[in-house]
């Protein structure tokens, strides 16, 4: 089967003072990114759409679901590791506003929240189940940078679970054979952000 892991679009910065999870929506730019990735993928034969329950992922999935007439299926185990944080700052904004904090985050490769071992186990179990239920299908999973990293690191045999920064609405493609073999087809595919959609795409 073909598994597409798609990072959400650019969210807003949210800081709550009541201690509840920030769970930010998409920014105007993020909504444009979601529309772009929907146009790009609408011509592929996608059988199912799955999303993290976090707002930024569900809002990114919505345009493609509408274009294809599919329901968005929610999978709680592909929510990001910072799901319970009352503060959400997009990494690009953090880099501009607090470069030392951004540098420390990138060096450590993990920003805290759900323990990394628990997070990685949840993600892998969710995506393993998705693969086993969808043999011969193409499934689009709208999720988060941490989710993409954890799965890609497993497929590539990389010890560090968080090793690269997926671009907003990047498409990360994996092939999963019925024999259990898995491979990376593409990481950080962003052609939909770089040029207008061309009919046929070649």
Foldseek 3Di string as FASTA:
>chain_A
DKEKEWEFFAFDWFADPVQFFRLTARDPRRLVLLLLLLVVCLPPQADAEEEAPRRRQVSSCVSNCVSNVHDYHYDPLQADQSRGGNTDDPLVRCCVPPVVVSVVCLVVLDDDHHPPVVSLVSLVVVVVVVCVVAPPHYYYYYHHLLSVQSVQCVLVVNPDSRDDGAHHRFIWMKDAHPVGRIDTPDGNHDVSVVDPDDPPND
